[in-house]
Amino acid sequence: MKFYNLLLITLISTSGHAVNIRDALASAYKNNQELLATRESMLAAHEKIVQAKGGFRPEIKAGATASVANSKTSRGASSPTVSSKDKNRKGNIVLTQNIFRGFADAASVSKTEHDIMGQWAQLKSTEQEIFLKVIKAYLDLYAKYASVEVYKANFAFMQKNYEAAKAKREIGEETITQESLAEAKYVEAQSKLQLGLADLEGAKASFEQLTGLAAPERVEQPKELLEAPQSMDLLQEVALRENPKIKQAQEDISSAKQNKKVVTGKLLPSLDFQAASSQSFNKNSAGTNNVDSITNPTRNQRSDEVSLNLTVPLYDAGVTRSQYRETKKTIVAKRIAFEKVRQEIIQSCKQMYMAFVAIKSNMQNSSKQVKAQEIAVDGVTQEMQVGTKILVDVLNAQAQLLQAKLDQINTIQQYYFYLYQILSLQGKLTAEGLGLPVEVFRPEENYTDIKNSI
């Protein structure tokens, strides 16, 4: 666009490696702690689909016990003491398979799928929010660097005029009032430069915290990584289809509907198949204090059992029916929340697009204003040299030029921030949407790998 030629690249003349906005976003994508934690939580949530599918699979349990019992019986001094020892070992294995649970298992799987897809949308939304923070930090850093250069130029201008006024005052060509005014402007310019440098250090710290990059010595001009939509209607159309908050709200509704089916299943009969097998080993030995012990042969016993168990819920203190009524209200609440998100997106589209169009027009005006003010400063300076203007006129014109340049920097900053907010509304402010040079994290791949794990 023609606006690129209006950017204040010449203001940032410090030597050294320059970082561009793609570098900042790519680094944040790889290093931002909030984003990394959200991804790990996403991978953990994928395990819930395995847990949900467990309702269709059998449960197999095995158990084993071993015991030894010693006993002694004495009936008096003249009677022998009888002792015995029993050794018992037992093992069993039980298989349980649900056949019917009121369709709750299928609903639970479907609910979990919608929950996970909702979390995918949440991950994308988080990624966009972090990218917006990074872009703001980048634009702040860009603006602070540009402002410092403006302050440096202003300081040099005020210093030159103060020194000239001081020299003229010494030879009687300038009044003490004019010299004092020039000194005041010089001190003011010095103060503004110092404040600008302090603000720059703050912007560097924010940039480093969000991106994981060391603050660069200079930053490149912001760029339009993607073009803005040509109309507000087109923006709304894409936003209502692709915005991750819309998708998350839709998945929340679907999840709530499936949860209603899960609770309904608790009110229906449940049928389970069970197969069990057990085997026990018993060995007994007995004797008296004056008679050799007698050992009974080991007794083995095995049993196998197959059964169908039907469970019909009759009354559970009203808990399940209360949960059922709760799910119905939750569905209504999720639908209202969806409509709220939808209206918020429509409103944001209108506000952001109108602000974007306005600031786009201001970029041209601010450039013209800076050029006109530069001409004014040169003209007033020449007029002062020929005696038709005084020093205060030059200082005032320079102050207006300083403000015009700062306004231009602010306009550039706002233009790009509105642009990327528009891309965020469309769901395009992601590593994949912007085509960043990174390995894109795709949760679907991990989900596909583990969803059928047993």
Foldseek 3Di string as FASTA:
>chain_A
DVLVVLDVQVLQDDDFDAAELLLQLQLLCVDAPVLVVLVVVLLVLLCVLVVLLCLQPKDKDKDKDKDKDKDWDDDDDVDWIKIKMKIKIKMKMKIKGWDAQLCLSVLSNQLSVLVSQLSVLVSLLVSLVLSLLLLLLQLQLQLLSSLLSLLVVQLVVLVVVLVVQVVCVVVPNHDPVLNVVSVVSNVVSVVSNVVSVVSNVVSQVSSCNSRVDRRTSHYDAHDCLDDFDPDLVVLLVLLCVAQSVLSSLVSQLSSLVSVLSNLVSNQAKIKMKMKMKMKMKMWMWMDTPVGDIDTDDIDMDMDIDIDMDIDHDDDDPCPSVVVNVVSVVSSVVSVVVSVVVSVVLSVLSVVLVVVLVVLVVVLVVLSVQLVVLVVVLVVLVVCVVVPNHPSVSNSVSSVSNSVSSSVNSVSSSVNVSSRSVSCNSSSQSHCVSSVRPDDDDDSVVSSVVPSPPD
